[in-house]
Amino acid sequence: MKLSPISVPYRAVQKGGGLLFMLVFFSSTGAAGPGGLVLGLGAIAILAVSIGYELLYYRRFSYELTADTLDLSSGVFNRREREIPYGRIQNVDVSQNIIQRALGIAAVNVETAGGGSTEAVIRYVSAETAETLQTDVRDRKRGRDRREGVIADEPATEPEALFSIEPSELALVGVLSFDPRVPGAILALLTGSVPFVSPILPGDVSGIGLTVLIVVVGVAIIALSWIVGAISAVVNYWGFRLTQTEDELQYERGLVQRYSGTIPFDKVQTVTIEDNPLKRRFGYATLGVETAGYAPGQANGKGSEAAVPLASVDRVHRLAHELEAFGEPEFTRPPKRIRRRYAVRYLLAIGALTAIAFAITRFYTIPFPWYVPVGAAVLTPIAAHYKWLHRGYWLGEDHFVARSGFWNREAKVVPYYRIQTVIDTRTIFQRRWDVGTVVADTAGSLSVLGSDAAALDIDRADVERVREELTDRLQASLEERRRDRKPASGFAWIDTVEDPALPNPVDFDSLTPAITAAGSEDADRSIGSTKADPSPDSTKADRSPDATDSDQPDRPEE
């Protein structure tokens, strides 16, 4: 199967648009100079080459659904052949932006369990083909091939609607959102990183005027970050809909970029309930599901997909318990003395900020009140208390639950059988306060970035206890799952073999003890082991039925 022919000009224009932006940028900085015409002709030449490249890419790209794998062949200069087993495929995500929807094409992203990025990308096929491909892969994973008429024991059920975002909830998602990328972009503009913007900024402001300007700019940055975050959230979660089948969650979302995909239940690693002070004040929360891989369209790129972007706390908890029945956690907080450690850390941060402000006013002779950050020191005990108050862990019957954060509080629910590694760490500062941290690492989390469920700053004695208990419960849960998956009667097709040449069926179970005993004795002899008083019964069992004592050679004593 091939890509859509429309993908050739579309991909070429995508690359040409980037070249056009570079041309405008260099022209604005004066870098082009008298060679601007040459630069423009070069851009046109590169655009023509990109069209030729896309034609070759289109001709050499193909994909095929076989009985067991999704096969892809691609590459213009370096050929690449891939076979992706259906069992490894976690999600087939279909995405479309406004232009792609107008052209009737879509991108298909294939994700696999444990992958740090997209395993395969098909750009672009018709929207109908993308939907058919998504459905076919999903059905083949379940053992149903509609084209060949192979149907599983139970037919596919219609998806059950779990959540559909209301306009009021979508508006709240925007109001309660904040985009932290905006301050960095504005800082780049103000510091001259973008040459055609920074010259318009005033450069002769000082004294009170500078202070007022800093305050106004700070308020404007916060307001603009809030507005951009609200627009981004509304565009991202427009038309959000979550449904459930017998083995997966299915979601649709997006206004400008439309996404549709699945979250298989057997790939769910962690369920996260997230909130912040504003959400807690109005009784709302967000439900996230972390899977064993990377899903396209994610903001964080850590394999986490928002199952419910915003809903009432009761509704979020009800949906979370449908995914993982973890009960009602009773959190154990860190020791109270750890609040002093948090207060000291805040005081050190305030001191560093004050020193930086003082150095700026000292060396650049800017009349700015450098001592203003010191006023925040009176709030450090309150901040330390709330940080301690919102931390804790709970060892449930089947789940480990960890909570942390005040401004962005997360409660992570991890089934014991999903834990990959149990890690206990103690930094040099934690050793000073006689505390440590126990981390439950899963296949879908990044422990280096601190995204795992973790019991933070607990007593040293509790560190070893929690680590051992997590390890024991992990082993017990894995053993229980193995027992549940093991057939009750073993392999039925070899338990009993009927041979017409034999008078009676051969029951292999009755032969197993004799075979095992004979194999053990032969193994002992091969390594030269001796027995002080061998059992006569076991000796006879090792001999053939027709053998006598005289037929057996005497073994030398060892």
Protein backbone atom coordinates (compact mmCIF):
# COMPACT_ATOMS: atom_id res chain seq x y z
CA MET A 1 0.00 0.00 0.00
CA LYS A 2 1.18 3.48 -0.88
CA LEU A 3 0.95 7.02 0.48
CA SER A 4 -1.59 9.53 -0.79
CA PRO A 5 -0.36 11.36 -3.93
CA ILE A 6 -1.33 14.63 -2.24
CA SER A 7 1.43 13.98 0.30
CA VAL A 8 4.09 14.87 -2.31
CA PRO A 9 3.24 18.57 -2.80
CA TYR A 10 2.15 18.94 0.81
CA ARG A 11 5.44 17.69 2.24
CA ALA A 12 7.40 19.74 -0.30
CA VAL A 13 5.53 22.93 0.66
CA GLN A 14 6.18 22.16 4.32
CA LYS A 15 9.91 22.18 3.70
CA GLY A 16 9.62 25.21 1.40
CA GLY A 17 7.79 27.14 4.12
CA GLY A 18 10.74 26.63 6.45
CA LEU A 19 13.14 27.92 3.81
CA LEU A 20 10.93 30.96 3.23
CA PHE A 21 10.98 31.77 6.94
CA MET A 22 14.78 31.51 6.99
CA LEU A 23 14.96 33.87 4.00
CA VAL A 24 12.76 36.47 5.71
CA PHE A 25 14.76 36.15 8.94
CA PHE A 26 18.13 36.65 7.28
CA SER A 27 16.79 39.54 5.20
CA SER A 28 15.52 41.30 8.35
CA THR A 29 18.94 41.08 9.98
CA GLY A 30 20.75 42.37 6.89
CA ALA A 31 22.64 39.10 6.56
CA ALA A 32 21.56 38.69 2.98
CA GLY A 33 23.04 42.02 1.82
CA PRO A 34 23.52 42.45 -1.92
CA GLY A 35 23.38 38.66 -2.24
CA GLY A 36 19.71 38.59 -1.35
CA LEU A 37 18.76 37.70 -4.90
CA VAL A 38 21.23 34.84 -4.89
CA LEU A 39 19.83 33.66 -1.57
CA GLY A 40 16.31 33.75 -2.99
CA LEU A 41 17.28 31.80 -6.08
CA GLY A 42 19.06 29.29 -3.89
CA ALA A 43 15.91 28.84 -1.83
CA ILE A 44 13.90 28.21 -5.02
CA ALA A 45 16.48 25.67 -6.15
CA ILE A 46 16.35 23.89 -2.81
CA LEU A 47 12.54 23.86 -3.02
CA ALA A 48 12.74 22.20 -6.43
CA VAL A 49 15.15 19.61 -5.06
CA SER A 50 12.77 18.94 -2.15
CA ILE A 51 9.95 18.26 -4.61
CA GLY A 52 12.13 15.75 -6.43
CA TYR A 53 13.09 14.15 -3.13
CA GLU A 54 9.45 13.84 -2.06
CA LEU A 55 8.61 12.16 -5.38
CA LEU A 56 11.33 9.56 -4.74
CA TYR A 57 10.17 9.17 -1.13
CA TYR A 58 6.60 8.58 -2.32
CA ARG A 59 7.68 5.93 -4.81
CA ARG A 60 9.89 4.07 -2.31
CA PHE A 61 7.56 4.14 0.71
CA SER A 62 5.15 1.24 1.19
CA TYR A 63 3.42 -0.55 4.04
CA GLU A 64 1.55 -3.83 4.37
CA LEU A 65 -0.58 -5.61 6.96
CA THR A 66 0.51 -9.24 7.13
CA ALA A 67 -0.90 -12.01 9.32
CA ASP A 68 1.38 -11.18 12.26
CA THR A 69 3.17 -7.89 11.55
CA LEU A 70 2.90 -4.41 10.15
CA ASP A 71 5.66 -4.17 7.52
CA LEU A 72 7.08 -0.86 6.36
CA SER A 73 9.63 -0.11 3.66
CA SER A 74 11.06 3.39 3.32
CA GLY A 75 14.14 5.40 2.51
CA VAL A 76 15.52 7.22 -0.52
CA PHE A 77 19.26 6.93 0.03
CA ASN A 78 19.23 4.46 2.94
CA ARG A 79 16.61 1.74 2.68
CA ARG A 80 14.91 0.64 5.87
CA GLU A 81 12.73 -2.44 6.29
CA ARG A 82 10.71 -2.83 9.49
CA GLU A 83 8.42 -5.55 10.77
CA ILE A 84 6.39 -4.52 13.82
CA PRO A 85 4.52 -7.40 15.52
CA TYR A 86 0.93 -6.56 16.38
CA GLY A 87 1.55 -7.67 19.96
CA ARG A 88 4.09 -4.88 20.44
CA ILE A 89 1.90 -2.13 19.02
CA GLN A 90 0.48 -0.01 21.80
CA ASN A 91 -1.34 2.66 19.87
CA VAL A 92 -2.11 3.72 16.32
CA ASP A 93 -2.74 7.46 16.51
CA VAL A 94 -4.32 9.46 13.68
CA SER A 95 -3.70 13.22 13.59
CA GLN A 96 -4.92 16.00 11.28
CA ASN A 97 -4.48 19.75 11.31
CA ILE A 98 -6.80 22.20 9.57
CA ILE A 99 -4.94 22.13 6.26
CA GLN A 100 -4.73 18.34 6.28
CA ARG A 101 -8.46 18.07 6.97
CA ALA A 102 -9.14 20.39 4.02
CA LEU A 103 -6.92 18.22 1.79
CA GLY A 104 -8.42 14.99 3.12
CA ILE A 105 -5.14 13.50 4.36
CA ALA A 106 -3.92 12.38 7.79
CA ALA A 107 -0.76 11.25 9.55
CA VAL A 108 -0.61 7.82 11.19
CA ASN A 109 1.76 7.27 14.12
CA VAL A 110 2.49 3.77 15.39
CA GLU A 111 3.62 3.52 19.00
CA THR A 112 5.13 0.48 20.69
CA ALA A 113 5.46 -0.41 24.37
CA GLY A 114 8.60 0.95 26.00
CA GLY A 115 9.49 3.18 23.06
CA GLY A 116 10.94 6.61 23.76
CA SER A 117 9.61 7.98 20.47
CA THR A 118 7.26 7.09 17.63
CA GLU A 119 8.15 3.68 16.19
CA ALA A 120 6.79 4.36 12.70
CA VAL A 121 5.22 7.36 10.97
CA ILE A 122 3.08 7.19 7.84
CA ARG A 123 2.81 10.68 6.34
CA TYR A 124 0.40 11.02 4.69
CA VAL A 125 -2.55 8.82 3.64
CA SER A 126 -6.17 9.65 2.96
CA ALA A 127 -8.35 10.17 6.02
CA GLU A 128 -10.43 7.10 5.16
CA THR A 129 -7.30 4.96 4.76
CA ALA A 130 -5.94 6.21 8.09
CA GLU A 131 -9.14 5.27 9.90
CA THR A 132 -9.23 1.86 8.20
CA LEU A 133 -5.58 1.22 9.08
CA GLN A 134 -6.19 2.17 12.71
CA THR A 135 -9.19 -0.18 12.92
CA ASP A 136 -7.49 -3.06 11.12
CA VAL A 137 -4.44 -3.00 13.40
CA ARG A 138 -6.72 -2.85 16.45
CA ASP A 139 -8.74 -5.82 15.22
CA ARG A 140 -5.67 -7.91 14.35
CA LYS A 141 -4.31 -7.30 17.84
CA ARG A 142 -7.52 -8.84 19.18
CA GLY A 143 -7.37 -11.76 16.78
CA ARG A 144 -10.09 -10.50 14.47
CA ASP A 145 -9.38 -9.98 10.80
CA ARG A 146 -12.43 -8.51 9.16
CA ARG A 147 -11.08 -8.90 5.65
CA GLU A 148 -10.43 -12.63 6.06
CA GLY A 149 -13.58 -13.20 8.10
CA VAL A 150 -11.74 -14.44 11.20
CA ILE A 151 -13.87 -13.60 14.23
CA ALA A 152 -12.87 -14.00 17.86
CA ASP A 153 -14.93 -15.96 20.38
CA GLU A 154 -16.80 -12.79 21.30
CA PRO A 155 -17.64 -10.04 18.84
CA ALA A 156 -16.36 -6.51 19.40
CA THR A 157 -18.65 -4.45 21.60
CA GLU A 158 -19.67 -0.90 20.90
CA PRO A 159 -17.51 1.65 22.79
CA GLU A 160 -19.03 2.83 26.05
CA ALA A 161 -18.92 6.59 26.59
CA LEU A 162 -17.01 7.46 29.77
CA PHE A 163 -16.41 11.19 29.49
CA SER A 164 -17.24 14.04 27.14
CA ILE A 165 -16.04 17.52 28.00
CA GLU A 166 -18.73 20.16 28.39
CA PRO A 167 -18.29 23.77 27.16
CA SER A 168 -18.19 25.05 30.75
CA GLU A 169 -15.51 22.51 31.65
CA LEU A 170 -13.51 23.41 28.54
CA ALA A 171 -13.66 27.07 29.54
CA LEU A 172 -12.40 26.16 33.01
CA VAL A 173 -9.54 24.18 31.47
CA GLY A 174 -8.48 27.39 29.74
CA VAL A 175 -8.91 29.60 32.80
CA LEU A 176 -6.89 27.23 35.00
CA SER A 177 -4.05 26.82 32.49
CA PHE A 178 -0.71 28.61 32.39
CA ASP A 179 1.95 28.28 29.66
CA PRO A 180 5.47 28.47 31.20
CA ARG A 181 7.08 28.74 27.75
CA VAL A 182 5.86 32.31 27.23
CA PRO A 183 8.18 33.99 29.80
CA GLY A 184 11.21 32.42 28.10
CA ALA A 185 10.08 33.64 24.67
CA ILE A 186 9.46 37.16 25.97
CA LEU A 187 12.83 37.15 27.70
CA ALA A 188 14.45 36.29 24.35
CA LEU A 189 12.72 39.29 22.78
CA LEU A 190 13.75 41.69 25.54
CA THR A 191 17.40 40.62 25.62
CA GLY A 192 18.03 41.17 21.92
CA SER A 193 18.02 37.53 20.86
CA VAL A 194 15.63 38.54 18.06
CA PRO A 195 17.29 41.52 16.32
CA PHE A 196 14.26 43.06 14.61
CA VAL A 197 12.27 43.29 17.89
CA SER A 198 14.72 44.44 20.56
CA PRO A 199 15.56 47.84 18.95
CA ILE A 200 12.03 49.12 19.69
CA LEU A 201 12.52 48.68 23.44
CA PRO A 202 13.48 51.79 25.48
CA GLY A 203 17.09 51.80 26.56
CA ASP A 204 17.38 55.03 28.63
CA VAL A 205 14.95 54.24 31.46
CA SER A 206 16.33 54.39 35.02
CA GLY A 207 15.30 54.91 38.63
CA ILE A 208 11.62 54.77 39.47
CA GLY A 209 10.74 54.48 35.82
CA LEU A 210 12.78 51.27 35.57
CA THR A 211 11.06 49.84 38.62
CA VAL A 212 7.63 50.62 37.19
CA LEU A 213 8.66 49.17 33.83
CA ILE A 214 9.84 45.94 35.48
CA VAL A 215 6.56 45.60 37.40
CA VAL A 216 4.46 46.30 34.30
CA VAL A 217 6.48 43.88 32.19
CA GLY A 218 6.20 41.20 34.91
CA VAL A 219 2.42 41.57 35.15
CA ALA A 220 2.14 41.56 31.36
CA ILE A 221 4.22 38.39 31.10
CA ILE A 222 2.02 36.62 33.65
CA ALA A 223 -1.16 37.77 31.92
CA LEU A 224 0.13 36.82 28.48
CA SER A 225 1.27 33.40 29.74
CA TRP A 226 -2.19 32.85 31.16
CA ILE A 227 -3.90 33.88 27.90
CA VAL A 228 -1.61 31.72 25.76
CA GLY A 229 -2.06 28.78 28.13
CA ALA A 230 -5.85 29.18 28.01
CA ILE A 231 -5.92 29.29 24.21
CA SER A 232 -3.57 26.32 23.96
CA ALA A 233 -5.65 24.25 26.39
CA VAL A 234 -8.94 25.03 24.62
CA VAL A 235 -7.47 24.23 21.20
CA ASN A 236 -5.83 21.04 22.51
CA TYR A 237 -8.89 19.61 24.30
CA TRP A 238 -11.64 20.86 22.01
CA GLY A 239 -14.22 18.13 21.50
CA PHE A 240 -12.53 15.78 23.98
CA ARG A 241 -14.30 12.44 24.17
CA LEU A 242 -13.30 9.29 26.05
CA THR A 243 -14.85 5.89 25.41
CA GLN A 244 -14.14 2.37 26.66
CA THR A 245 -14.12 -1.05 25.00
CA GLU A 246 -13.40 -4.42 26.58
CA ASP A 247 -9.62 -3.93 26.42
CA GLU A 248 -8.79 -0.27 25.82
CA LEU A 249 -9.70 3.38 26.17
CA GLN A 250 -10.32 5.42 23.01
CA TYR A 251 -9.97 9.20 22.88
CA GLU A 252 -10.54 12.04 20.42
CA ARG A 253 -9.49 15.64 20.92
CA GLY A 254 -8.16 18.75 19.26
CA LEU A 255 -9.37 21.72 17.23
CA VAL A 256 -6.45 22.79 15.04
CA GLN A 257 -4.63 19.44 15.34
CA ARG A 258 -7.11 16.59 15.67
CA TYR A 259 -5.96 13.44 17.49
CA SER A 260 -7.62 10.08 17.89
CA GLY A 261 -6.00 7.08 19.52
CA THR A 262 -6.23 4.34 22.10
CA ILE A 263 -4.89 3.56 25.56
CA PRO A 264 -4.75 -0.25 26.02
CA PHE A 265 -5.58 -1.37 29.55
CA ASP A 266 -2.72 -3.87 29.57
CA LYS A 267 -0.23 -1.06 28.85
CA VAL A 268 -1.38 1.27 31.65
CA GLN A 269 1.45 1.75 34.14
CA THR A 270 0.31 4.59 36.38
CA VAL A 271 -2.91 6.49 37.03
CA THR A 272 -2.33 10.09 38.14
CA ILE A 273 -4.78 12.50 39.78
CA GLU A 274 -3.50 16.06 39.38
CA ASP A 275 -4.67 19.40 40.75
CA ASN A 276 -3.42 22.84 41.81
CA PRO A 277 -4.64 25.43 44.33
CA LEU A 278 -7.19 26.89 41.91
CA LYS A 279 -8.56 23.47 40.98
CA ARG A 280 -8.75 22.45 44.63
CA ARG A 281 -10.52 25.70 45.49
CA PHE A 282 -13.30 25.04 42.97
CA GLY A 283 -13.39 21.24 43.39
CA TYR A 284 -11.81 20.12 40.11
CA ALA A 285 -9.00 17.76 39.14
CA THR A 286 -7.31 16.15 36.12
CA LEU A 287 -6.91 12.43 35.48
CA GLY A 288 -3.81 11.23 33.63
CA VAL A 289 -2.91 7.75 32.40
CA GLU A 290 0.74 6.85 31.91
CA THR A 291 1.45 4.07 29.45
CA ALA A 292 4.52 1.98 28.63
CA GLY A 293 5.62 4.17 25.76
CA TYR A 294 5.38 7.50 23.99
CA ALA A 295 2.13 8.84 22.57
CA PRO A 296 1.98 11.56 19.91
CA GLY A 297 0.55 14.96 20.68
CA GLN A 298 1.63 14.84 24.30
CA ALA A 299 2.85 17.98 25.95
CA ASN A 300 5.40 16.22 28.09
CA GLY A 301 6.45 13.37 25.83
CA LYS A 302 6.66 10.92 28.74
CA GLY A 303 4.01 8.48 27.68
CA SER A 304 1.29 10.24 29.63
CA GLU A 305 -2.12 10.99 28.14
CA ALA A 306 -4.84 13.05 29.83
CA ALA A 307 -7.75 10.65 30.26
CA VAL A 308 -9.87 13.49 31.70
CA PRO A 309 -8.49 17.04 31.20
CA LEU A 310 -10.78 18.57 33.84
CA ALA A 311 -13.79 17.36 35.82
CA SER A 312 -15.17 17.47 39.34
CA VAL A 313 -13.09 15.68 41.96
CA ASP A 314 -15.81 13.06 42.56
CA ARG A 315 -16.05 12.32 38.85
CA VAL A 316 -12.27 12.05 38.46
CA HIS A 317 -11.97 9.71 41.46
CA ARG A 318 -14.80 7.55 40.16
CA LEU A 319 -13.11 7.16 36.77
CA ALA A 320 -9.75 6.52 38.42
CA HIS A 321 -11.25 3.69 40.46
CA GLU A 322 -12.74 2.19 37.32
CA LEU A 323 -9.24 2.00 35.88
CA GLU A 324 -7.56 0.85 39.10
CA ALA A 325 -9.61 -0.18 42.15
CA PHE A 326 -7.14 1.14 44.72
CA GLY A 327 -9.51 2.04 47.56
CA GLU A 328 -9.23 5.13 49.76
CA PRO A 329 -5.58 6.01 50.53
CA GLU A 330 -4.52 6.98 54.03
CA PHE A 331 -1.25 8.80 53.44
CA THR A 332 1.75 8.59 55.73
CA ARG A 333 3.55 11.94 55.69
CA PRO A 334 7.28 12.56 56.16
CA PRO A 335 8.49 13.27 59.72
CA LYS A 336 7.56 16.72 60.97
CA ARG A 337 11.18 17.73 61.47
CA ILE A 338 11.63 17.70 57.69
CA ARG A 339 9.70 20.98 57.55
CA ARG A 340 12.79 22.72 58.89
CA ARG A 341 14.75 21.36 55.94
CA TYR A 342 12.21 22.76 53.51
CA ALA A 343 12.30 26.15 55.27
CA VAL A 344 16.11 26.23 55.07
CA ARG A 345 15.98 25.47 51.35
CA TYR A 346 13.54 28.32 50.75
CA LEU A 347 15.71 30.70 52.80
CA LEU A 348 18.78 29.74 50.77
CA ALA A 349 16.89 30.42 47.54
CA ILE A 350 15.74 33.81 48.81
CA GLY A 351 19.31 34.62 49.86
CA ALA A 352 20.66 33.71 46.42
CA LEU A 353 18.01 35.86 44.71
CA THR A 354 18.80 38.80 47.00
CA ALA A 355 22.53 38.46 46.31
CA ILE A 356 21.90 38.50 42.54
CA ALA A 357 19.74 41.62 42.84
CA PHE A 358 22.39 43.32 44.98
CA ALA A 359 25.16 42.45 42.48
CA ILE A 360 23.13 43.93 39.61
CA THR A 361 22.55 47.22 41.42
CA ARG A 362 26.18 47.30 42.58
CA PHE A 363 27.96 46.72 39.28
CA TYR A 364 25.44 48.31 36.89
CA THR A 365 24.52 51.29 39.11
CA ILE A 366 20.81 50.64 38.73
CA PRO A 367 18.75 52.22 41.55
CA PHE A 368 16.61 49.18 42.27
CA PRO A 369 15.45 48.02 45.76
CA TRP A 370 17.57 44.85 45.86
CA TYR A 371 16.33 43.95 49.36
CA VAL A 372 12.72 43.32 48.22
CA PRO A 373 13.15 39.49 48.03
CA VAL A 374 14.05 39.42 51.72
CA GLY A 375 10.41 40.14 52.56
CA ALA A 376 9.48 36.67 51.33
CA ALA A 377 11.46 35.12 54.19
CA VAL A 378 8.48 35.51 56.55
CA LEU A 379 6.48 33.15 54.31
CA THR A 380 9.00 30.29 54.36
CA PRO A 381 7.53 28.52 57.44
CA ILE A 382 4.09 28.52 55.81
CA ALA A 383 5.46 27.27 52.49
CA ALA A 384 7.47 24.54 54.25
CA HIS A 385 4.39 23.38 56.18
CA TYR A 386 2.21 23.13 53.06
CA LYS A 387 4.94 21.27 51.18
CA TRP A 388 5.10 18.73 54.02
CA LEU A 389 1.30 18.57 54.27
CA HIS A 390 0.86 17.52 50.62
CA ARG A 391 3.51 14.79 50.62
CA GLY A 392 2.90 11.19 51.61
CA TYR A 393 2.64 7.56 50.56
CA TRP A 394 0.30 4.62 51.09
CA LEU A 395 0.80 0.88 50.72
CA GLY A 396 -2.55 -0.56 49.73
CA GLU A 397 -3.52 -4.17 49.22
CA ASP A 398 -2.73 -4.13 45.49
CA HIS A 399 -1.42 -0.61 44.81
CA PHE A 400 1.27 1.82 45.87
CA VAL A 401 0.06 5.44 46.01
CA ALA A 402 2.42 8.42 46.36
CA ARG A 403 1.50 12.10 46.57
CA SER A 404 3.62 15.25 46.31
CA GLY A 405 3.47 18.88 45.25
CA PHE A 406 1.51 21.95 46.32
CA TRP A 407 1.32 24.18 43.24
CA ASN A 408 1.00 21.11 41.04
CA ARG A 409 -0.05 18.23 43.27
CA GLU A 410 0.04 14.72 41.85
CA ALA A 411 -1.21 11.49 43.41
CA LYS A 412 0.25 8.53 41.47
CA VAL A 413 -1.38 5.09 41.68
CA VAL A 414 0.86 2.16 40.69
CA PRO A 415 -0.23 -1.51 40.76
CA TYR A 416 2.48 -3.63 42.40
CA TYR A 417 2.84 -5.89 39.36
CA ARG A 418 3.70 -2.84 37.20
CA ILE A 419 6.78 -1.95 39.26
CA GLN A 420 10.03 -2.57 37.38
CA THR A 421 12.55 -1.57 40.04
CA VAL A 422 12.43 -0.43 43.66
CA ILE A 423 15.11 2.20 44.32
CA ASP A 424 16.06 3.81 47.63
CA THR A 425 18.17 6.96 47.49
CA ARG A 426 19.72 9.24 50.11
CA THR A 427 21.36 12.47 49.03
CA ILE A 428 24.05 14.14 51.10
CA PHE A 429 21.45 16.56 52.44
CA GLN A 430 18.96 13.77 53.23
CA ARG A 431 21.64 11.90 55.18
CA ARG A 432 22.12 15.01 57.30
CA TRP A 433 18.42 14.90 58.25
CA ASP A 434 18.41 11.08 58.54
CA VAL A 435 15.78 10.60 55.81
CA GLY A 436 15.62 8.99 52.39
CA THR A 437 13.41 8.36 49.35
CA VAL A 438 11.97 5.13 47.95
CA VAL A 439 11.10 5.18 44.23
CA ALA A 440 8.79 2.71 42.46
CA ASP A 441 10.08 2.75 38.88
CA THR A 442 7.71 1.63 36.11
CA ALA A 443 8.12 0.99 32.39
CA GLY A 444 6.35 4.22 31.49
CA SER A 445 8.11 6.68 33.82
CA LEU A 446 11.41 8.51 33.88
CA SER A 447 13.02 8.19 37.30
CA VAL A 448 15.85 10.56 36.35
CA LEU A 449 13.33 13.37 35.92
CA GLY A 450 11.48 12.46 39.12
CA SER A 451 8.22 11.43 37.46
CA ASP A 452 7.93 8.09 39.29
CA ALA A 453 5.75 7.37 42.28
CA ALA A 454 8.03 7.94 45.28
CA ALA A 455 7.85 8.04 49.06
CA LEU A 456 9.81 11.25 49.63
CA ASP A 457 11.86 12.23 52.70
CA ILE A 458 10.77 9.38 54.96
CA ASP A 459 12.70 8.17 58.04
CA ARG A 460 15.77 6.03 57.41
CA ALA A 461 14.17 3.13 59.27
CA ASP A 462 11.08 3.41 57.09
CA VAL A 463 13.16 3.48 53.90
CA GLU A 464 14.30 -0.12 54.30
CA ARG A 465 10.86 -1.27 55.47
CA VAL A 466 9.02 0.34 52.53
CA ARG A 467 11.59 -0.96 50.02
CA GLU A 468 11.34 -4.53 51.31
CA GLU A 469 7.56 -4.40 51.47
CA LEU A 470 7.31 -3.07 47.91
CA THR A 471 9.67 -5.81 46.70
CA ASP A 472 7.74 -8.53 48.52
CA ARG A 473 4.38 -7.31 47.23
CA LEU A 474 5.77 -7.05 43.72
CA GLN A 475 6.90 -10.70 43.82
CA ALA A 476 3.61 -11.82 45.37
CA SER A 477 1.52 -9.98 42.77
CA LEU A 478 3.59 -11.39 39.90
CA GLU A 479 3.23 -14.92 41.29
CA GLU A 480 -0.52 -14.46 41.65
CA ARG A 481 -0.81 -13.25 38.05
CA ARG A 482 1.23 -16.24 36.85
CA ARG A 483 -1.11 -18.60 38.68
CA ASP A 484 -4.13 -16.88 37.18
CA ARG A 485 -2.73 -17.19 33.67
CA LYS A 486 -1.57 -20.82 34.03
CA PRO A 487 -4.07 -23.36 32.56
CA ALA A 488 -5.64 -25.64 35.15
CA SER A 489 -4.82 -28.88 33.31
CA GLY A 490 -1.53 -27.91 31.66
CA PHE A 491 -1.21 -28.41 27.93
CA ALA A 492 -4.29 -30.39 26.99
CA TRP A 493 -2.87 -31.42 23.64
CA ILE A 494 -0.01 -33.43 25.22
CA ASP A 495 -1.68 -34.67 28.42
CA THR A 496 -3.06 -37.71 26.65
CA VAL A 497 -1.99 -39.05 23.25
CA GLU A 498 -4.12 -41.68 21.56
CA ASP A 499 -2.15 -43.95 19.25
CA PRO A 500 -4.14 -46.53 17.22
CA ALA A 501 -1.16 -48.88 17.38
CA LEU A 502 -1.32 -48.99 21.18
CA PRO A 503 -3.98 -50.90 23.13
CA ASN A 504 -4.60 -48.03 25.50
CA PRO A 505 -3.97 -44.27 25.34
CA VAL A 506 -0.60 -43.11 26.67
CA ASP A 507 -0.96 -40.95 29.75
CA PHE A 508 2.19 -38.83 30.00
CA ASP A 509 1.32 -37.66 33.51
CA SER A 510 1.76 -41.21 34.84
CA LEU A 511 5.22 -41.40 33.28
CA THR A 512 6.44 -38.08 34.63
CA PRO A 513 7.66 -39.31 38.09
CA ALA A 514 9.67 -42.19 36.58
CA ILE A 515 11.16 -39.96 33.90
CA THR A 516 12.07 -37.34 36.47
CA ALA A 517 13.67 -39.89 38.81
CA ALA A 518 15.66 -41.47 36.00
CA GLY A 519 16.83 -38.09 34.76
CA SER A 520 17.94 -37.08 38.25
CA GLU A 521 19.91 -40.30 38.82
CA ASP A 522 21.62 -40.02 35.43
CA ALA A 523 22.56 -36.45 36.22
CA ASP A 524 24.05 -37.52 39.56
CA ARG A 525 26.13 -40.23 37.88
CA SER A 526 27.40 -37.88 35.21
CA ILE A 527 28.98 -35.59 37.80
CA GLY A 528 30.35 -38.46 39.90
CA SER A 529 28.14 -38.00 42.94
CA THR A 530 27.73 -40.87 45.47
CA LYS A 531 25.02 -41.91 47.89
CA ALA A 532 25.80 -43.54 51.22
CA ASP A 533 22.67 -45.70 51.32
CA PRO A 534 20.86 -45.74 47.98
CA SER A 535 17.26 -46.81 48.12
CA PRO A 536 16.55 -50.21 46.51
CA ASP A 537 13.32 -48.84 45.06
CA SER A 538 15.06 -45.98 43.36
CA THR A 539 17.72 -48.35 41.99
CA LYS A 540 15.09 -50.56 40.45
CA ALA A 541 13.32 -47.61 39.00
CA ASP A 542 16.50 -46.68 37.13
CA ARG A 543 16.72 -50.05 35.41
CA SER A 544 14.75 -51.28 32.47
CA PRO A 545 11.95 -53.77 33.26
CA ASP A 546 13.77 -56.63 31.51
CA ALA A 547 17.13 -56.13 33.20
CA THR A 548 18.46 -58.39 36.02
CA ASP A 549 21.23 -57.90 38.55
CA SER A 550 23.57 -60.00 36.46
CA ASP A 551 22.88 -57.84 33.42
CA GLN A 552 24.10 -54.71 35.22
CA PRO A 553 27.89 -54.25 35.35
CA ASP A 554 29.44 -53.63 38.71
CA ARG A 555 30.21 -49.94 39.23
CA PRO A 556 33.57 -49.18 40.81
CA GLU A 557 33.40 -47.52 44.13
CA GLU A 558 34.33 -43.88 44.01
